[in-house]
Structures are given as structure tokens and as C-alpha cells.
C-alpha atoms as a PDB file:
ATOM      1  CA  UNK A   1      14.813  18.480 -34.391  1.00  0.00           C
ATOM      2  CA  UNK A   2      15.700  15.394 -32.340  1.00  0.00           C
ATOM      3  CA  UNK A   3      13.479  14.319 -29.481  1.00  0.00           C
ATOM      4  CA  UNK A   4      15.071  14.878 -26.100  1.00  0.00           C
ATOM      5  CA  UNK A   5      15.097  11.698 -23.961  1.00  0.00           C
ATOM      6  CA  UNK A   6      12.696  12.065 -21.055  1.00  0.00           C
ATOM      7  CA  UNK A   7      14.125  12.053 -17.543  1.00  0.00           C
ATOM      8  CA  UNK A   8      13.964   8.975 -15.347  1.00  0.00           C
ATOM      9  CA  UNK A   9      13.403  11.099 -12.234  1.00  0.00           C
ATOM     10  CA  UNK A  10      12.331  14.741 -11.823  1.00  0.00           C
ATOM     11  CA  UNK A  11      12.749  17.284  -9.030  1.00  0.00           C
ATOM     12  CA  UNK A  12       8.989  17.103  -8.377  1.00  0.00           C
ATOM     13  CA  UNK A  13       9.146  13.332  -7.899  1.00  0.00           C
ATOM     14  CA  UNK A  14      12.228  13.671  -5.684  1.00  0.00           C
ATOM     15  CA  UNK A  15      10.390  16.249  -3.550  1.00  0.00           C
ATOM     16  CA  UNK A  16       7.519  13.811  -2.969  1.00  0.00           C
ATOM     17  CA  UNK A  17       9.797  11.137  -1.496  1.00  0.00           C
ATOM     18  CA  UNK A  18       9.577  10.975   2.291  1.00  0.00           C
ATOM     19  CA  UNK A  19      11.602   9.410   5.070  1.00  0.00           C
ATOM     20  CA  UNK A  20      10.021   6.110   6.103  1.00  0.00           C
ATOM     21  CA  UNK A  21       8.831   5.162   2.597  1.00  0.00           C
ATOM     22  CA  UNK A  22       9.635   1.695   1.319  1.00  0.00           C
ATOM     23  CA  UNK A  23      11.618   1.145  -1.881  1.00  0.00           C
ATOM     24  CA  UNK A  24       8.406  -0.009  -3.571  1.00  0.00           C
ATOM     25  CA  UNK A  25       6.656   3.244  -2.572  1.00  0.00           C
ATOM     26  CA  UNK A  26       9.605   5.274  -3.921  1.00  0.00           C
ATOM     27  CA  UNK A  27       9.453   3.368  -7.224  1.00  0.00           C
ATOM     28  CA  UNK A  28       5.705   4.098  -7.428  1.00  0.00           C
ATOM     29  CA  UNK A  29       6.399   7.853  -7.056  1.00  0.00           C
ATOM     30  CA  UNK A  30       9.295   7.889  -9.545  1.00  0.00           C
ATOM     31  CA  UNK A  31       7.800   5.430 -12.005  1.00  0.00           C
ATOM     32  CA  UNK A  32      11.068   3.537 -12.528  1.00  0.00           C
ATOM     33  CA  UNK A  33      13.222   1.003 -10.689  1.00  0.00           C
ATOM     34  CA  UNK A  34      16.499   2.258  -9.258  1.00  0.00           C
ATOM     35  CA  UNK A  35      19.887   0.589  -9.681  1.00  0.00           C
ATOM     36  CA  UNK A  36      21.269  -0.945  -6.495  1.00  0.00           C
ATOM     37  CA  UNK A  37      24.537   0.867  -5.777  1.00  0.00           C
ATOM     38  CA  UNK A  38      25.482  -0.559  -2.389  1.00  0.00           C
ATOM     39  CA  UNK A  39      24.292  -3.080   0.153  1.00  0.00           C
ATOM     40  CA  UNK A  40      25.457  -4.011   3.628  1.00  0.00           C
ATOM     41  CA  UNK A  41      24.298  -6.033   6.608  1.00  0.00           C
ATOM     42  CA  UNK A  42      25.466  -5.573  10.173  1.00  0.00           C
ATOM     43  CA  UNK A  43      24.414  -8.449  12.377  1.00  0.00           C
ATOM     44  CA  UNK A  44      22.623  -7.393  15.508  1.00  0.00           C
ATOM     45  CA  UNK A  45      23.155  -8.435  19.079  1.00  0.00           C
ATOM     46  CA  UNK A  46      20.056 -10.142  20.551  1.00  0.00           C
ATOM     47  CA  UNK A  47      18.445  -7.951  23.192  1.00  0.00           C
ATOM     48  CA  UNK A  48      20.778  -5.056  22.421  1.00  0.00           C
ATOM     49  CA  UNK A  49      20.821  -4.053  18.759  1.00  0.00           C
ATOM     50  CA  UNK A  50      18.759  -5.244  15.790  1.00  0.00           C
ATOM     51  CA  UNK A  51      20.364  -6.420  12.553  1.00  0.00           C
ATOM     52  CA  UNK A  52      20.826  -3.490  10.158  1.00  0.00           C
ATOM     53  CA  UNK A  53      20.268  -4.046   6.449  1.00  0.00           C
ATOM     54  CA  UNK A  54      21.145  -1.040   4.318  1.00  0.00           C
ATOM     55  CA  UNK A  55      20.656  -0.655   0.559  1.00  0.00           C
ATOM     56  CA  UNK A  56      21.327   2.376  -1.605  1.00  0.00           C
ATOM     57  CA  UNK A  57      19.617   2.808  -4.979  1.00  0.00           C
ATOM     58  CA  UNK A  58      20.332   5.360  -7.697  1.00  0.00           C
ATOM     59  CA  UNK A  59      18.383   6.853 -10.589  1.00  0.00           C
ATOM     60  CA  UNK A  60      20.310   8.489 -13.460  1.00  0.00           C
ATOM     61  CA  UNK A  61      18.829  10.766 -16.124  1.00  0.00           C
ATOM     62  CA  UNK A  62      20.175  10.985 -19.701  1.00  0.00           C
ATOM     63  CA  UNK A  63      21.523  14.509 -18.987  1.00  0.00           C
ATOM     64  CA  UNK A  64      23.573  13.267 -16.001  1.00  0.00           C
ATOM     65  CA  UNK A  65      21.277  14.632 -13.289  1.00  0.00           C
ATOM     66  CA  UNK A  66      20.541  11.986 -10.694  1.00  0.00           C
ATOM     67  CA  UNK A  67      19.309  11.019  -7.262  1.00  0.00           C
ATOM     68  CA  UNK A  68      19.955   8.284  -4.768  1.00  0.00           C
ATOM     69  CA  UNK A  69      18.140   7.004  -1.725  1.00  0.00           C
ATOM     70  CA  UNK A  70      19.270   4.908   1.233  1.00  0.00           C
ATOM     71  CA  UNK A  71      16.962   2.366   2.846  1.00  0.00           C
ATOM     72  CA  UNK A  72      17.610   0.905   6.297  1.00  0.00           C
ATOM     73  CA  UNK A  73      15.629  -2.229   7.150  1.00  0.00           C
ATOM     74  CA  UNK A  74      13.302  -1.465   4.250  1.00  0.00           C
ATOM     75  CA  UNK A  75      12.568   2.197   5.063  1.00  0.00           C
ATOM     76  CA  UNK A  76      14.043   5.319   3.432  1.00  0.00           C
ATOM     77  CA  UNK A  77      16.392   7.126   5.795  1.00  0.00           C
ATOM     78  CA  UNK A  78      18.207   9.481   3.423  1.00  0.00           C
ATOM     79  CA  UNK A  79      18.026  10.891  -0.107  1.00  0.00           C
ATOM     80  CA  UNK A  80      20.205  13.173  -2.232  1.00  0.00           C
ATOM     81  CA  UNK A  81      19.995  14.670  -5.721  1.00  0.00           C
ATOM     82  CA  UNK A  82      22.163  16.481  -8.210  1.00  0.00           C
ATOM     83  CA  UNK A  83      20.861  18.706 -11.012  1.00  0.00           C
ATOM     84  CA  UNK A  84      17.254  17.490 -11.105  1.00  0.00           C
ATOM     85  CA  UNK A  85      14.729  19.736 -12.831  1.00  0.00           C
END
């Protein structure tokens, strides 16, 4: 019987991720680096709006289940998952 590849990210790990965490804190919970999927910067207007730096990272399991997380100015603002167990 072949060994099943272990998942990169589990539903339990996903559930422990919280808004406001840094990418480094998310990696510590998951135990693996994510793959940067998107990045954007919107320059701010002094005294009106700060510069916004947004990065989205993804984690993909061998079975196709996955999650991603969006970080704005270094803090998690959103996360989503598909099929994690």
C-alpha cells in the first residue's frame, strides 16, 4: 500500500488563523511557507490615506484542497479554503 502524501495545510490549522496575524505567524501555525499569488501597492495620499500593500499567499495540498490568505500592510485581513480536512 502506497503512503499517502501528507497535507501541507489542514482544516485545524486553517481554523487557528486569525485576522491581524502576520504572514510569519500564519506560517508558524501551518508549518509551511505559502506561495505568493498576487501583490499590489496603492500609493497613499499624505494626511489622507496610507499606502496599501496587499499580498495574497496560497497553500495547496496534494489532493487539491487548498487555502489562501490576504495580508494588508503585513496583517491578515481575509482567508478562504476549499476542501480542507
